[in-house]
N, C-alpha and C. Protein backbone atom coordinates (compact mmCIF):
# COMPACT_ATOMS: atom_id res chain seq x y z
N MET A 1 12.09 13.54 5.11
CA MET A 1 11.14 12.70 5.62
C MET A 1 10.96 11.50 4.88
N SER A 2 10.84 10.29 5.52
CA SER A 2 10.84 9.01 4.75
C SER A 2 9.43 8.78 4.05
N TRP A 3 8.34 9.17 4.78
CA TRP A 3 7.03 9.04 4.31
C TRP A 3 7.03 9.43 2.92
N SER A 4 7.53 10.68 2.42
CA SER A 4 7.47 11.17 1.06
C SER A 4 8.43 10.14 0.24
N GLU A 5 9.37 9.44 0.69
CA GLU A 5 10.15 8.43 -0.09
C GLU A 5 9.30 7.43 -0.24
N LEU A 6 8.52 6.89 0.67
CA LEU A 6 7.51 5.82 0.54
C LEU A 6 6.51 6.06 -0.75
N GLN A 7 5.98 7.21 -0.66
CA GLN A 7 5.14 7.69 -1.71
C GLN A 7 5.77 7.81 -3.11
N ARG A 8 6.96 8.16 -3.06
CA ARG A 8 7.76 8.18 -4.33
C ARG A 8 8.02 6.77 -4.89
N LEU A 9 8.38 5.88 -4.00
CA LEU A 9 8.60 4.68 -4.47
C LEU A 9 7.24 3.88 -5.05
N VAL A 10 6.29 4.17 -4.16
CA VAL A 10 4.92 3.56 -4.82
C VAL A 10 4.65 4.06 -6.11
N GLU A 11 4.70 5.37 -6.24
CA GLU A 11 4.49 6.04 -7.70
C GLU A 11 5.28 5.27 -8.64
N GLU A 12 6.49 5.26 -8.44
CA GLU A 12 7.57 4.77 -9.35
C GLU A 12 7.27 3.27 -9.70
N ALA A 13 7.03 2.36 -8.69
CA ALA A 13 6.74 1.01 -8.73
C ALA A 13 5.47 0.86 -9.60
N GLU A 14 4.42 1.86 -9.39
CA GLU A 14 3.25 1.67 -10.33
C GLU A 14 3.53 1.73 -11.81
N THR A 15 4.40 2.44 -12.18
CA THR A 15 4.76 2.80 -13.58
C THR A 15 5.97 1.91 -14.16
N ASP A 16 6.82 1.37 -13.08
CA ASP A 16 8.15 0.62 -13.62
C ASP A 16 7.82 -0.76 -13.32
N GLY A 17 7.49 -1.68 -14.36
CA GLY A 17 7.21 -3.03 -14.03
C GLY A 17 8.51 -3.78 -13.45
N SER A 18 9.64 -3.50 -14.00
CA SER A 18 10.92 -4.09 -13.43
C SER A 18 11.12 -3.82 -12.01
N LEU A 19 10.89 -2.52 -11.50
CA LEU A 19 10.99 -2.30 -10.04
C LEU A 19 9.92 -2.97 -9.17
N ARG A 20 8.74 -2.99 -9.76
CA ARG A 20 7.59 -3.61 -9.26
C ARG A 20 7.88 -5.17 -8.84
N ARG A 21 8.44 -5.83 -9.85
CA ARG A 21 8.64 -7.19 -9.82
C ARG A 21 9.95 -7.50 -8.88
N GLY A 22 10.82 -6.57 -8.92
CA GLY A 22 11.90 -6.80 -7.94
C GLY A 22 11.60 -6.68 -6.47
N LEU A 23 10.62 -5.75 -6.21
CA LEU A 23 10.08 -5.65 -4.94
C LEU A 23 9.40 -6.70 -4.53
N ARG A 24 8.39 -7.25 -5.33
CA ARG A 24 7.75 -8.45 -5.09
C ARG A 24 8.42 -9.61 -4.70
N ARG A 25 9.84 -9.70 -5.15
CA ARG A 25 10.63 -10.85 -4.69
C ARG A 25 11.01 -10.83 -3.21
N CYS A 26 10.90 -9.63 -2.60
CA CYS A 26 11.19 -9.54 -1.17
C CYS A 26 10.47 -10.39 -0.36
N ARG A 27 11.16 -11.27 0.55
CA ARG A 27 10.40 -12.28 1.39
C ARG A 27 10.07 -11.76 2.74
N SER A 28 10.65 -10.58 3.02
CA SER A 28 10.36 -10.09 4.41
C SER A 28 10.36 -8.53 4.42
N GLN A 29 10.07 -7.98 5.55
CA GLN A 29 10.00 -6.36 5.72
C GLN A 29 11.48 -5.99 5.73
N ARG A 30 12.36 -6.66 6.24
CA ARG A 30 13.65 -6.28 6.31
C ARG A 30 14.32 -6.54 4.97
N GLU A 31 14.09 -7.43 4.38
CA GLU A 31 14.46 -7.65 2.95
C GLU A 31 13.99 -6.44 1.86
N LEU A 32 12.66 -6.16 2.20
CA LEU A 32 12.10 -5.03 1.36
C LEU A 32 12.76 -3.74 1.68
N LEU A 33 13.11 -3.32 2.87
CA LEU A 33 13.79 -2.16 3.43
C LEU A 33 15.16 -2.02 2.81
N MET A 34 15.88 -3.22 2.74
CA MET A 34 17.27 -3.12 2.39
C MET A 34 17.31 -2.76 0.77
N ALA A 35 16.30 -3.64 0.05
CA ALA A 35 16.15 -3.33 -1.38
C ALA A 35 15.94 -1.89 -1.63
N CYS A 36 15.01 -1.36 -1.01
CA CYS A 36 14.75 0.06 -1.00
C CYS A 36 15.91 0.86 -0.95
N ARG A 37 16.66 0.55 0.16
CA ARG A 37 17.74 1.46 0.41
C ARG A 37 18.84 1.37 -0.63
N ARG A 38 18.99 0.18 -1.08
CA ARG A 38 19.96 -0.12 -2.17
C ARG A 38 19.64 0.82 -3.43
N LEU A 39 18.26 1.02 -3.61
CA LEU A 39 17.81 1.60 -4.94
C LEU A 39 17.85 3.17 -4.62
N GLY A 40 18.14 3.54 -3.30
CA GLY A 40 18.14 5.09 -3.06
C GLY A 40 17.11 5.62 -2.50
N TYR A 41 16.07 4.71 -1.80
CA TYR A 41 14.92 5.50 -1.14
C TYR A 41 15.13 5.28 0.29
N ARG A 42 14.78 6.35 1.04
CA ARG A 42 15.12 6.32 2.33
C ARG A 42 13.79 6.03 3.38
N ILE A 43 13.59 4.87 3.22
CA ILE A 43 12.29 4.31 3.88
C ILE A 43 12.56 3.52 5.13
N GLN A 44 11.76 3.57 6.10
CA GLN A 44 11.97 3.11 7.36
C GLN A 44 10.87 1.91 7.59
N ALA A 45 11.11 1.23 8.73
CA ALA A 45 9.94 0.30 9.11
C ALA A 45 8.65 0.90 9.57
N LEU A 46 8.95 2.13 10.27
CA LEU A 46 7.72 2.80 10.61
C LEU A 46 6.94 3.41 9.55
N ASP A 47 7.67 3.60 8.21
CA ASP A 47 6.70 4.21 7.14
C ASP A 47 5.66 2.91 6.64
N LEU A 48 6.36 1.77 6.62
CA LEU A 48 5.64 0.66 6.14
C LEU A 48 4.43 0.24 7.25
N ARG A 49 4.66 0.33 8.34
CA ARG A 49 3.58 0.03 9.54
C ARG A 49 2.45 1.14 9.30
N HIS A 50 2.98 2.46 8.94
CA HIS A 50 1.92 3.57 8.80
C HIS A 50 1.17 3.22 7.61
N ALA A 51 1.76 2.79 6.50
CA ALA A 51 1.15 2.64 5.38
C ALA A 51 0.04 1.35 5.43
N ARG A 52 0.42 0.35 6.21
CA ARG A 52 -0.29 -0.75 6.46
C ARG A 52 -1.61 -0.35 7.25
N ALA A 53 -1.43 0.51 8.23
CA ALA A 53 -2.46 0.94 9.26
C ALA A 53 -3.40 1.73 8.43
N LEU A 54 -2.95 2.71 7.45
CA LEU A 54 -3.78 3.40 6.56
C LEU A 54 -4.68 2.69 5.69
N GLU A 55 -4.08 1.54 5.13
CA GLU A 55 -4.69 0.65 4.20
C GLU A 55 -5.75 -0.03 4.90
N ARG A 56 -5.46 -0.53 6.06
CA ARG A 56 -6.49 -1.24 6.90
C ARG A 56 -7.72 -0.46 7.18
N GLN A 57 -7.39 0.78 7.65
CA GLN A 57 -8.40 1.77 7.93
C GLN A 57 -9.29 2.08 6.74
N GLU A 58 -8.68 2.08 5.66
CA GLU A 58 -9.53 2.37 4.37
C GLU A 58 -10.29 1.19 4.04
N ARG A 59 -9.92 -0.02 4.15
CA ARG A 59 -10.59 -1.15 3.89
C ARG A 59 -11.83 -1.27 4.92
N GLU A 60 -11.51 -1.02 5.98
CA GLU A 60 -12.75 -1.13 7.16
C GLU A 60 -13.59 0.10 6.80
N ARG A 61 -13.26 1.17 6.45
CA ARG A 61 -14.02 2.28 6.06
C ARG A 61 -15.12 1.95 4.83
N ILE A 62 -14.37 1.18 3.90
CA ILE A 62 -15.27 0.76 2.83
C ILE A 62 -16.29 -0.32 3.26
N THR A 63 -15.70 -1.41 4.12
CA THR A 63 -16.47 -2.37 4.47
C THR A 63 -17.81 -1.90 5.34
N ARG A 64 -17.53 -0.83 6.22
CA ARG A 64 -18.68 -0.24 6.86
C ARG A 64 -19.64 0.62 5.92
N ALA A 65 -19.11 1.18 4.91
CA ALA A 65 -20.03 2.01 4.14
C ALA A 65 -20.76 0.95 3.36
N ASP A 66 -20.27 -0.10 2.85
CA ASP A 66 -21.09 -1.28 2.21
C ASP A 66 -22.17 -1.81 2.97
N ARG A 67 -21.85 -1.86 4.18
CA ARG A 67 -23.03 -2.50 5.15
C ARG A 67 -24.10 -1.34 5.24
N TRP A 68 -23.85 -0.19 5.17
CA TRP A 68 -24.89 0.83 5.29
C TRP A 68 -25.70 1.04 4.06
N CYS A 69 -25.05 0.43 2.99
CA CYS A 69 -25.61 0.57 1.62
C CYS A 69 -27.03 0.09 1.78
N ALA A 70 -28.08 0.64 0.87
CA ALA A 70 -29.24 0.06 1.00
C ALA A 70 -29.37 -1.28 0.22
N PRO A 71 -30.07 -2.30 0.83
CA PRO A 71 -30.11 -3.60 0.19
C PRO A 71 -30.46 -3.62 -1.29
N GLU A 72 -31.41 -2.85 -1.63
CA GLU A 72 -31.80 -2.73 -3.06
C GLU A 72 -30.76 -2.39 -4.01
N ILE A 73 -29.87 -1.49 -3.48
CA ILE A 73 -28.59 -0.99 -4.27
C ILE A 73 -27.71 -2.15 -4.31
N ARG A 74 -27.32 -2.88 -3.32
CA ARG A 74 -26.53 -4.04 -3.27
C ARG A 74 -26.98 -5.02 -4.31
N GLN A 75 -28.34 -5.19 -4.26
CA GLN A 75 -28.86 -6.50 -4.92
C GLN A 75 -29.11 -5.96 -6.51
N GLY A 76 -28.88 -4.61 -6.77
CA GLY A 76 -29.15 -4.11 -8.02
C GLY A 76 -30.62 -3.89 -8.40
N GLY A 77 -31.49 -3.99 -7.52
CA GLY A 77 -32.79 -3.55 -7.61
C GLY A 77 -33.07 -2.08 -7.61
N GLY A 78 -34.40 -1.75 -7.64
CA GLY A 78 -34.82 -0.39 -7.57
C GLY A 78 -35.92 -0.11 -6.74
């Protein structure tokens, strides 16, 4: 399954600065996928879309939680 490959890539990129810099140079999704495949990761476009959707959902969840936070907590008061 390629989702596990994406997770492996992320974990390795978090610890390997050279890998991270190389991936950041990619200018498009296609270029990123090609670079990953050259490096031996079996990642598909669907995996990237899924990861982006999960990230968006998490940001929205955090935003909603922040809105529900009591005003005195947001302002640092008590």
